[in-house]
PDB file of N, CA and C in Angstrom:
ATOM      1  N   UNK A   1      40.796 -43.234  18.208  1.00  0.00           N
ATOM      2  CA  UNK A   1      40.535 -44.403  17.571  1.00  0.00           C
ATOM      3  C   UNK A   1      41.625 -45.168  17.595  1.00  0.00           C
ATOM      4  N   UNK A   2      41.833 -47.104  18.489  1.00  0.00           N
ATOM      5  CA  UNK A   2      42.522 -47.189  18.505  1.00  0.00           C
ATOM      6  C   UNK A   2      42.066 -48.485  17.138  1.00  0.00           C
ATOM      7  N   UNK A   3      43.425 -48.379  16.051  1.00  0.00           N
ATOM      8  CA  UNK A   3      43.570 -49.654  15.196  1.00  0.00           C
ATOM      9  C   UNK A   3      43.930 -50.823  15.790  1.00  0.00           C
ATOM     10  N   UNK A   4      44.045 -51.132  16.309  1.00  0.00           N
ATOM     11  CA  UNK A   4      44.698 -52.330  16.995  1.00  0.00           C
ATOM     12  C   UNK A   4      43.714 -53.578  17.414  1.00  0.00           C
ATOM     13  N   UNK A   5      43.479 -54.631  16.538  1.00  0.00           N
ATOM     14  CA  UNK A   5      42.504 -55.621  16.061  1.00  0.00           C
ATOM     15  C   UNK A   5      41.651 -54.980  15.372  1.00  0.00           C
ATOM     16  N   UNK A   6      42.207 -54.720  13.839  1.00  0.00           N
ATOM     17  CA  UNK A   6      40.987 -54.274  12.975  1.00  0.00           C
ATOM     18  C   UNK A   6      41.684 -55.314  11.950  1.00  0.00           C
ATOM     19  N   UNK A   7      40.309 -55.541  11.319  1.00  0.00           N
ATOM     20  CA  UNK A   7      40.167 -56.470  10.054  1.00  0.00           C
ATOM     21  C   UNK A   7      40.694 -55.847   8.650  1.00  0.00           C
ATOM     22  N   UNK A   8      41.059 -55.299   7.879  1.00  0.00           N
ATOM     23  CA  UNK A   8      40.463 -55.038   6.554  1.00  0.00           C
ATOM     24  C   UNK A   8      39.949 -56.103   5.963  1.00  0.00           C
ATOM     25  N   UNK A   9      38.980 -55.919   4.819  1.00  0.00           N
ATOM     26  CA  UNK A   9      38.578 -57.005   4.311  1.00  0.00           C
ATOM     27  C   UNK A   9      38.288 -56.181   2.650  1.00  0.00           C
ATOM     28  N   UNK A  10      39.526 -56.722   1.506  1.00  0.00           N
ATOM     29  CA  UNK A  10      39.570 -56.503   0.396  1.00  0.00           C
ATOM     30  C   UNK A  10      37.486 -56.420   0.226  1.00  0.00           C
ATOM     31  N   UNK A  11      37.934 -54.946  -1.368  1.00  0.00           N
ATOM     32  CA  UNK A  11      36.694 -54.728  -2.089  1.00  0.00           C
ATOM     33  C   UNK A  11      36.314 -55.156  -2.473  1.00  0.00           C
ATOM     34  N   UNK A  12      37.545 -56.439  -3.417  1.00  0.00           N
ATOM     35  CA  UNK A  12      37.283 -56.981  -4.673  1.00  0.00           C
ATOM     36  C   UNK A  12      37.684 -58.073  -4.714  1.00  0.00           C
ATOM     37  N   UNK A  13      36.994 -58.950  -4.491  1.00  0.00           N
ATOM     38  CA  UNK A  13      37.532 -60.710  -4.926  1.00  0.00           C
ATOM     39  C   UNK A  13      38.161 -60.956  -6.141  1.00  0.00           C
ATOM     40  N   UNK A  14      38.816 -62.380  -6.903  1.00  0.00           N
ATOM     41  CA  UNK A  14      38.544 -62.962  -7.786  1.00  0.00           C
ATOM     42  C   UNK A  14      37.794 -64.289  -7.700  1.00  0.00           C
ATOM     43  N   UNK A  15      37.098 -64.654  -8.381  1.00  0.00           N
ATOM     44  CA  UNK A  15      36.628 -65.897  -7.990  1.00  0.00           C
ATOM     45  C   UNK A  15      37.419 -67.307  -7.555  1.00  0.00           C
ATOM     46  N   UNK A  16      38.117 -68.205  -6.973  1.00  0.00           N
ATOM     47  CA  UNK A  16      38.829 -69.017  -7.968  1.00  0.00           C
ATOM     48  C   UNK A  16      38.670 -70.219  -8.792  1.00  0.00           C
ATOM     49  N   UNK A  17      36.985 -69.772  -8.999  1.00  0.00           N
ATOM     50  CA  UNK A  17      37.322 -70.686 -11.128  1.00  0.00           C
ATOM     51  C   UNK A  17      37.697 -69.552 -11.927  1.00  0.00           C
ATOM     52  N   UNK A  18      38.049 -68.193 -11.978  1.00  0.00           N
ATOM     53  CA  UNK A  18      38.001 -67.766 -12.517  1.00  0.00           C
ATOM     54  C   UNK A  18      39.645 -67.864 -13.442  1.00  0.00           C
ATOM     55  N   UNK A  19      39.789 -67.745 -14.426  1.00  0.00           N
ATOM     56  CA  UNK A  19      41.136 -68.301 -15.630  1.00  0.00           C
ATOM     57  C   UNK A  19      41.419 -67.261 -15.053  1.00  0.00           C
ATOM     58  N   UNK A  20      41.614 -65.917 -15.018  1.00  0.00           N
ATOM     59  CA  UNK A  20      42.799 -64.654 -14.094  1.00  0.00           C
ATOM     60  C   UNK A  20      43.799 -65.268 -13.482  1.00  0.00           C
ATOM     61  N   UNK A  21      45.022 -65.216 -13.333  1.00  0.00           N
ATOM     62  CA  UNK A  21      46.174 -65.762 -12.311  1.00  0.00           C
ATOM     63  C   UNK A  21      47.385 -64.569 -12.256  1.00  0.00           C
ATOM     64  N   UNK A  22      47.959 -64.597 -11.114  1.00  0.00           N
ATOM     65  CA  UNK A  22      48.621 -63.061 -11.433  1.00  0.00           C
ATOM     66  C   UNK A  22      50.345 -63.620 -11.374  1.00  0.00           C
ATOM     67  N   UNK A  23      50.914 -63.650 -11.804  1.00  0.00           N
ATOM     68  CA  UNK A  23      51.852 -63.834 -12.082  1.00  0.00           C
ATOM     69  C   UNK A  23      53.307 -63.852 -11.017  1.00  0.00           C
ATOM     70  N   UNK A  24      53.762 -64.294 -10.006  1.00  0.00           N
ATOM     71  CA  UNK A  24      54.786 -63.757  -8.727  1.00  0.00           C
ATOM     72  C   UNK A  24      55.838 -63.649  -9.428  1.00  0.00           C
ATOM     73  N   UNK A  25      56.640 -62.348  -9.488  1.00  0.00           N
ATOM     74  CA  UNK A  25      57.727 -61.922  -9.007  1.00  0.00           C
ATOM     75  C   UNK A  25      58.889 -62.304  -8.384  1.00  0.00           C
ATOM     76  N   UNK A  26      59.733 -63.786  -8.332  1.00  0.00           N
ATOM     77  CA  UNK A  26      60.477 -63.909  -7.335  1.00  0.00           C
ATOM     78  C   UNK A  26      60.832 -62.382  -6.773  1.00  0.00           C
ATOM     79  N   UNK A  27      61.736 -62.662  -5.450  1.00  0.00           N
ATOM     80  CA  UNK A  27      61.518 -61.574  -4.702  1.00  0.00           C
ATOM     81  C   UNK A  27      63.020 -61.326  -4.705  1.00  0.00           C
ATOM     82  N   UNK A  28      64.165 -61.932  -5.559  1.00  0.00           N
ATOM     83  CA  UNK A  28      65.426 -62.272  -5.284  1.00  0.00           C
ATOM     84  C   UNK A  28      66.430 -62.692  -7.222  1.00  0.00           C
ATOM     85  N   UNK A  29      65.356 -61.362  -7.739  1.00  0.00           N
ATOM     86  CA  UNK A  29      65.116 -60.907  -9.165  1.00  0.00           C
ATOM     87  C   UNK A  29      66.272 -60.539  -9.286  1.00  0.00           C
ATOM     88  N   UNK A  30      67.498 -60.630 -10.238  1.00  0.00           N
ATOM     89  CA  UNK A  30      68.853 -60.464 -10.751  1.00  0.00           C
ATOM     90  C   UNK A  30      68.752 -58.923 -11.093  1.00  0.00           C
ATOM     91  N   UNK A  31      69.181 -57.653 -10.937  1.00  0.00           N
ATOM     92  CA  UNK A  31      69.334 -56.706 -11.701  1.00  0.00           C
ATOM     93  C   UNK A  31      69.355 -57.030 -13.177  1.00  0.00           C
ATOM     94  N   UNK A  32      69.312 -56.440 -14.612  1.00  0.00           N
ATOM     95  CA  UNK A  32      70.203 -56.808 -15.431  1.00  0.00           C
ATOM     96  C   UNK A  32      71.339 -55.847 -15.862  1.00  0.00           C
ATOM     97  N   UNK A  33      72.436 -56.194 -15.988  1.00  0.00           N
ATOM     98  CA  UNK A  33      73.908 -55.326 -16.545  1.00  0.00           C
ATOM     99  C   UNK A  33      73.586 -54.353 -17.219  1.00  0.00           C
ATOM    100  N   UNK A  34      73.927 -53.027 -17.016  1.00  0.00           N
ATOM    101  CA  UNK A  34      73.867 -52.097 -18.101  1.00  0.00           C
ATOM    102  C   UNK A  34      75.169 -51.026 -18.180  1.00  0.00           C
ATOM    103  N   UNK A  35      75.684 -51.038 -19.631  1.00  0.00           N
ATOM    104  CA  UNK A  35      76.976 -51.345 -19.904  1.00  0.00           C
ATOM    105  C   UNK A  35      76.764 -49.995 -20.610  1.00  0.00           C
ATOM    106  N   UNK A  36      78.103 -48.781 -20.425  1.00  0.00           N
ATOM    107  CA  UNK A  36      78.047 -47.939 -20.877  1.00  0.00           C
ATOM    108  C   UNK A  36      78.876 -47.633 -22.295  1.00  0.00           C
ATOM    109  N   UNK A  37      77.987 -47.155 -23.017  1.00  0.00           N
ATOM    110  CA  UNK A  37      78.584 -46.874 -24.622  1.00  0.00           C
ATOM    111  C   UNK A  37      78.589 -45.714 -24.903  1.00  0.00           C
ATOM    112  N   UNK A  38      79.946 -44.810 -26.001  1.00  0.00           N
ATOM    113  CA  UNK A  38      79.912 -44.078 -25.930  1.00  0.00           C
ATOM    114  C   UNK A  38      79.755 -43.405 -27.904  1.00  0.00           C
ATOM    115  N   UNK A  39      79.251 -42.990 -28.022  1.00  0.00           N
ATOM    116  CA  UNK A  39      78.275 -42.714 -29.768  1.00  0.00           C
ATOM    117  C   UNK A  39      79.314 -41.660 -29.987  1.00  0.00           C
ATOM    118  N   UNK A  40      80.218 -41.363 -30.599  1.00  0.00           N
ATOM    119  CA  UNK A  40      80.810 -40.265 -32.006  1.00  0.00           C
ATOM    120  C   UNK A  40      80.694 -40.143 -33.167  1.00  0.00           C
ATOM    121  N   UNK A  41      80.657 -39.290 -33.983  1.00  0.00           N
ATOM    122  CA  UNK A  41      80.846 -39.589 -35.866  1.00  0.00           C
ATOM    123  C   UNK A  41      81.998 -39.283 -35.959  1.00  0.00           C
ATOM    124  N   UNK A  42      82.506 -40.038 -36.872  1.00  0.00           N
ATOM    125  CA  UNK A  42      83.693 -40.299 -37.149  1.00  0.00           C
ATOM    126  C   UNK A  42      84.055 -39.610 -38.613  1.00  0.00           C
ATOM    127  N   UNK A  43      85.540 -39.176 -38.904  1.00  0.00           N
ATOM    128  CA  UNK A  43      85.783 -38.304 -40.566  1.00  0.00           C
ATOM    129  C   UNK A  43      84.984 -38.233 -41.053  1.00  0.00           C
ATOM    130  N   UNK A  44      84.878 -39.801 -41.388  1.00  0.00           N
ATOM    131  CA  UNK A  44      84.225 -40.457 -42.426  1.00  0.00           C
ATOM    132  C   UNK A  44      82.720 -40.181 -42.627  1.00  0.00           C
ATOM    133  N   UNK A  45      81.984 -40.014 -41.761  1.00  0.00           N
ATOM    134  CA  UNK A  45      80.214 -40.249 -41.178  1.00  0.00           C
ATOM    135  C   UNK A  45      80.364 -40.646 -40.867  1.00  0.00           C
ATOM    136  N   UNK A  46      80.846 -42.183 -40.406  1.00  0.00           N
ATOM    137  CA  UNK A  46      80.434 -43.672 -39.954  1.00  0.00           C
ATOM    138  C   UNK A  46      80.173 -42.722 -38.559  1.00  0.00           C
ATOM    139  N   UNK A  47      79.240 -43.600 -37.563  1.00  0.00           N
ATOM    140  CA  UNK A  47      79.265 -43.526 -36.206  1.00  0.00           C
ATOM    141  C   UNK A  47      79.976 -44.527 -35.663  1.00  0.00           C
ATOM    142  N   UNK A  48      80.677 -44.338 -34.424  1.00  0.00           N
ATOM    143  CA  UNK A  48      82.118 -45.043 -34.009  1.00  0.00           C
ATOM    144  C   UNK A  48      80.888 -45.187 -32.959  1.00  0.00           C
ATOM    145  N   UNK A  49      81.507 -46.623 -32.316  1.00  0.00           N
ATOM    146  CA  UNK A  49      80.790 -46.586 -31.052  1.00  0.00           C
ATOM    147  C   UNK A  49      81.485 -47.970 -30.101  1.00  0.00           C
ATOM    148  N   UNK A  50      81.442 -47.236 -29.173  1.00  0.00           N
ATOM    149  CA  UNK A  50      82.710 -47.939 -27.850  1.00  0.00           C
ATOM    150  C   UNK A  50      82.277 -47.965 -26.720  1.00  0.00           C
ATOM    151  N   UNK A  51      82.169 -49.377 -25.856  1.00  0.00           N
ATOM    152  CA  UNK A  51      82.018 -49.851 -24.671  1.00  0.00           C
ATOM    153  C   UNK A  51      82.712 -49.682 -23.333  1.00  0.00           C
ATOM    154  N   UNK A  52      82.734 -48.792 -22.970  1.00  0.00           N
ATOM    155  CA  UNK A  52      83.625 -48.174 -21.781  1.00  0.00           C
ATOM    156  C   UNK A  52      83.923 -49.858 -21.199  1.00  0.00           C
ATOM    157  N   UNK A  53      83.008 -50.762 -21.063  1.00  0.00           N
ATOM    158  CA  UNK A  53      82.923 -52.084 -19.312  1.00  0.00           C
ATOM    159  C   UNK A  53      82.814 -52.789 -20.180  1.00  0.00           C
ATOM    160  N   UNK A  54      83.212 -53.265 -21.259  1.00  0.00           N
ATOM    161  CA  UNK A  54      83.376 -54.645 -21.426  1.00  0.00           C
ATOM    162  C   UNK A  54      84.987 -54.110 -22.887  1.00  0.00           C
ATOM    163  N   UNK A  55      86.101 -54.315 -22.108  1.00  0.00           N
ATOM    164  CA  UNK A  55      87.034 -54.092 -23.315  1.00  0.00           C
ATOM    165  C   UNK A  55      87.232 -55.337 -24.478  1.00  0.00           C
ATOM    166  N   UNK A  56      87.788 -54.653 -25.697  1.00  0.00           N
ATOM    167  CA  UNK A  56      87.486 -55.011 -27.234  1.00  0.00           C
ATOM    168  C   UNK A  56      86.277 -54.590 -27.796  1.00  0.00           C
ATOM    169  N   UNK A  57      85.240 -53.686 -27.008  1.00  0.00           N
ATOM    170  CA  UNK A  57      83.820 -53.963 -28.124  1.00  0.00           C
ATOM    171  C   UNK A  57      83.614 -52.695 -28.564  1.00  0.00           C
ATOM    172  N   UNK A  58      83.760 -52.727 -29.400  1.00  0.00           N
ATOM    173  CA  UNK A  58      83.986 -51.741 -30.494  1.00  0.00           C
ATOM    174  C   UNK A  58      83.553 -51.795 -31.600  1.00  0.00           C
ATOM    175  N   UNK A  59      82.485 -50.405 -32.536  1.00  0.00           N
ATOM    176  CA  UNK A  59      81.964 -50.995 -33.614  1.00  0.00           C
ATOM    177  C   UNK A  59      81.621 -50.084 -34.463  1.00  0.00           C
ATOM    178  N   UNK A  60      80.584 -50.210 -35.453  1.00  0.00           N
ATOM    179  CA  UNK A  60      80.588 -48.755 -36.319  1.00  0.00           C
ATOM    180  C   UNK A  60      78.839 -48.999 -37.032  1.00  0.00           C
ATOM    181  N   UNK A  61      79.078 -48.072 -37.681  1.00  0.00           N
ATOM    182  CA  UNK A  61      77.256 -48.118 -38.545  1.00  0.00           C
ATOM    183  C   UNK A  61      77.467 -46.617 -39.669  1.00  0.00           C
ATOM    184  N   UNK A  62      76.431 -46.519 -40.202  1.00  0.00           N
ATOM    185  CA  UNK A  62      76.177 -45.667 -40.843  1.00  0.00           C
ATOM    186  C   UNK A  62      75.598 -44.697 -40.857  1.00  0.00           C
ATOM    187  N   UNK A  63      74.097 -44.924 -39.293  1.00  0.00           N
ATOM    188  CA  UNK A  63      73.712 -44.065 -39.069  1.00  0.00           C
ATOM    189  C   UNK A  63      73.736 -44.805 -37.356  1.00  0.00           C
ATOM    190  N   UNK A  64      73.141 -44.034 -35.972  1.00  0.00           N
ATOM    191  CA  UNK A  64      72.876 -44.048 -34.503  1.00  0.00           C
ATOM    192  C   UNK A  64      72.265 -45.518 -34.490  1.00  0.00           C
ATOM    193  N   UNK A  65      71.593 -46.257 -35.632  1.00  0.00           N
ATOM    194  CA  UNK A  65      70.521 -47.464 -35.098  1.00  0.00           C
ATOM    195  C   UNK A  65      71.386 -48.718 -35.336  1.00  0.00           C
ATOM    196  N   UNK A  66      71.804 -48.251 -36.276  1.00  0.00           N
ATOM    197  CA  UNK A  66      73.032 -49.335 -37.099  1.00  0.00           C
ATOM    198  C   UNK A  66      73.936 -49.696 -35.594  1.00  0.00           C
ATOM    199  N   UNK A  67      74.392 -48.805 -36.047  1.00  0.00           N
ATOM    200  CA  UNK A  67      75.821 -48.818 -34.947  1.00  0.00           C
ATOM    201  C   UNK A  67      75.518 -48.912 -33.484  1.00  0.00           C
ATOM    202  N   UNK A  68      74.515 -49.073 -32.988  1.00  0.00           N
ATOM    203  CA  UNK A  68      73.910 -48.968 -31.869  1.00  0.00           C
ATOM    204  C   UNK A  68      73.357 -50.733 -32.075  1.00  0.00           C
ATOM    205  N   UNK A  69      72.991 -51.414 -33.037  1.00  0.00           N
ATOM    206  CA  UNK A  69      72.843 -52.883 -33.132  1.00  0.00           C
ATOM    207  C   UNK A  69      74.225 -53.534 -33.200  1.00  0.00           C
ATOM    208  N   UNK A  70      74.931 -53.048 -33.739  1.00  0.00           N
ATOM    209  CA  UNK A  70      76.473 -53.574 -33.972  1.00  0.00           C
ATOM    210  C   UNK A  70      76.877 -53.950 -32.686  1.00  0.00           C
ATOM    211  N   UNK A  71      77.576 -52.598 -31.636  1.00  0.00           N
ATOM    212  CA  UNK A  71      77.547 -52.892 -30.588  1.00  0.00           C
ATOM    213  C   UNK A  71      77.196 -53.864 -29.588  1.00  0.00           C
ATOM    214  N   UNK A  72      75.852 -53.909 -29.582  1.00  0.00           N
ATOM    215  CA  UNK A  72      75.293 -54.850 -29.073  1.00  0.00           C
ATOM    216  C   UNK A  72      75.636 -56.136 -29.654  1.00  0.00           C
ATOM    217  N   UNK A  73      75.589 -56.277 -30.607  1.00  0.00           N
ATOM    218  CA  UNK A  73      75.681 -57.889 -30.815  1.00  0.00           C
ATOM    219  C   UNK A  73      77.164 -57.827 -30.755  1.00  0.00           C
ATOM    220  N   UNK A  74      78.347 -56.892 -30.970  1.00  0.00           N
ATOM    221  CA  UNK A  74      79.731 -57.115 -30.593  1.00  0.00           C
ATOM    222  C   UNK A  74      79.599 -57.450 -28.674  1.00  0.00           C
ATOM    223  N   UNK A  75      79.167 -56.919 -28.066  1.00  0.00           N
ATOM    224  CA  UNK A  75      79.528 -56.622 -26.151  1.00  0.00           C
ATOM    225  C   UNK A  75      79.008 -58.381 -26.460  1.00  0.00           C
ATOM    226  N   UNK A  76      77.566 -58.875 -27.313  1.00  0.00           N
ATOM    227  CA  UNK A  76      76.859 -60.110 -26.589  1.00  0.00           C
ATOM    228  C   UNK A  76      78.116 -61.503 -26.916  1.00  0.00           C
ATOM    229  N   UNK A  77      78.815 -61.039 -28.439  1.00  0.00           N
ATOM    230  CA  UNK A  77      79.557 -62.271 -28.959  1.00  0.00           C
ATOM    231  C   UNK A  77      80.601 -61.835 -28.049  1.00  0.00           C
ATOM    232  N   UNK A  78      81.299 -60.800 -26.767  1.00  0.00           N
ATOM    233  CA  UNK A  78      82.751 -60.935 -26.275  1.00  0.00           C
ATOM    234  C   UNK A  78      82.311 -61.589 -24.662  1.00  0.00           C
ATOM    235  N   UNK A  79      80.244 -61.236 -24.504  1.00  0.00           N
ATOM    236  CA  UNK A  79      80.060 -62.012 -23.122  1.00  0.00           C
ATOM    237  C   UNK A  79      80.617 -63.404 -23.371  1.00  0.00           C
ATOM    238  N   UNK A  80      80.033 -63.807 -24.640  1.00  0.00           N
ATOM    239  CA  UNK A  80      79.577 -65.408 -24.675  1.00  0.00           C
ATOM    240  C   UNK A  80      80.622 -65.988 -24.422  1.00  0.00           C
ATOM    241  N   UNK A  81      81.808 -64.761 -25.414  1.00  0.00           N
ATOM    242  CA  UNK A  81      83.095 -65.918 -25.133  1.00  0.00           C
ATOM    243  C   UNK A  81      84.352 -66.070 -24.256  1.00  0.00           C
ATOM    244  N   UNK A  82      83.490 -64.837 -23.077  1.00  0.00           N
ATOM    245  CA  UNK A  82      84.321 -64.623 -21.276  1.00  0.00           C
ATOM    246  C   UNK A  82      83.887 -65.266 -20.731  1.00  0.00           C
ATOM    247  N   UNK A  83      82.538 -65.702 -21.562  1.00  0.00           N
ATOM    248  CA  UNK A  83      81.473 -66.280 -19.473  1.00  0.00           C
ATOM    249  C   UNK A  83      80.840 -67.444 -19.960  1.00  0.00           C
ATOM    250  N   UNK A  84      80.598 -67.571 -21.785  1.00  0.00           N
ATOM    251  CA  UNK A  84      80.125 -68.652 -21.713  1.00  0.00           C
ATOM    252  C   UNK A  84      78.893 -68.617 -22.033  1.00  0.00           C
ATOM    253  N   UNK A  85      78.208 -67.370 -21.725  1.00  0.00           N
ATOM    254  CA  UNK A  85      77.029 -67.455 -21.950  1.00  0.00           C
ATOM    255  C   UNK A  85      76.452 -65.715 -21.951  1.00  0.00           C
ATOM    256  N   UNK A  86      75.322 -65.173 -22.861  1.00  0.00           N
ATOM    257  CA  UNK A  86      75.312 -63.901 -23.058  1.00  0.00           C
ATOM    258  C   UNK A  86      73.482 -63.420 -22.486  1.00  0.00           C
ATOM    259  N   UNK A  87      73.955 -62.595 -21.233  1.00  0.00           N
ATOM    260  CA  UNK A  87      72.728 -62.350 -20.187  1.00  0.00           C
ATOM    261  C   UNK A  87      72.432 -61.402 -20.909  1.00  0.00           C
ATOM    262  N   UNK A  88      71.002 -61.271 -20.701  1.00  0.00           N
ATOM    263  CA  UNK A  88      70.279 -59.427 -21.004  1.00  0.00           C
ATOM    264  C   UNK A  88      70.954 -58.617 -20.540  1.00  0.00           C
ATOM    265  N   UNK A  89      71.340 -57.443 -21.482  1.00  0.00           N
ATOM    266  CA  UNK A  89      72.057 -56.165 -20.841  1.00  0.00           C
ATOM    267  C   UNK A  89      70.942 -55.371 -21.793  1.00  0.00           C
ATOM    268  N   UNK A  90      71.034 -54.266 -20.008  1.00  0.00           N
ATOM    269  CA  UNK A  90      71.053 -52.827 -20.621  1.00  0.00           C
ATOM    270  C   UNK A  90      72.221 -52.082 -21.299  1.00  0.00           C
ATOM    271  N   UNK A  91      71.907 -50.605 -22.223  1.00  0.00           N
ATOM    272  CA  UNK A  91      73.628 -49.963 -22.886  1.00  0.00           C
ATOM    273  C   UNK A  91      72.955 -48.631 -22.427  1.00  0.00           C
ATOM    274  N   UNK A  92      73.567 -47.434 -21.469  1.00  0.00           N
ATOM    275  CA  UNK A  92      73.806 -46.595 -21.386  1.00  0.00           C
ATOM    276  C   UNK A  92      74.376 -46.064 -22.231  1.00  0.00           C
ATOM    277  N   UNK A  93      73.878 -45.069 -23.666  1.00  0.00           N
ATOM    278  CA  UNK A  93      74.571 -44.574 -24.953  1.00  0.00           C
ATOM    279  C   UNK A  93      74.810 -43.240 -24.011  1.00  0.00           C
ATOM    280  N   UNK A  94      76.541 -42.718 -24.182  1.00  0.00           N
ATOM    281  CA  UNK A  94      76.380 -40.706 -24.115  1.00  0.00           C
ATOM    282  C   UNK A  94      76.982 -40.753 -25.925  1.00  0.00           C
ATOM    283  N   UNK A  95      76.603 -39.709 -26.066  1.00  0.00           N
ATOM    284  CA  UNK A  95      76.657 -39.095 -27.335  1.00  0.00           C
ATOM    285  C   UNK A  95      77.816 -37.815 -27.330  1.00  0.00           C
ATOM    286  N   UNK A  96      78.895 -38.180 -27.787  1.00  0.00           N
ATOM    287  CA  UNK A  96      79.919 -36.976 -27.946  1.00  0.00           C
ATOM    288  C   UNK A  96      80.140 -36.242 -29.766  1.00  0.00           C
ATOM    289  N   UNK A  97      80.257 -35.218 -28.937  1.00  0.00           N
ATOM    290  CA  UNK A  97      80.247 -33.650 -30.417  1.00  0.00           C
ATOM    291  C   UNK A  97      81.329 -34.577 -31.377  1.00  0.00           C
TER     292      UNK A  97
END
């Protein structure tokens, strides 16, 4: 059976009067940067966090959540100082023992 000239019709259509709209994602979206973060417990019990990709980004916290919030704030501040803006980013956390 040849498939040439075969026209596929949608099985479901949305009326033009519908309030439902699809948001189109631009085809040229930039990926969000991801920074590597090392987290370890200090001798005093505090969690020390250091970003391997942003020079000078180091912080600490009483627990993992506080330490992670603090390093994200530190990375944002350094990026804003260096680049003039703080774009959205992700962190990849590695825990050392």
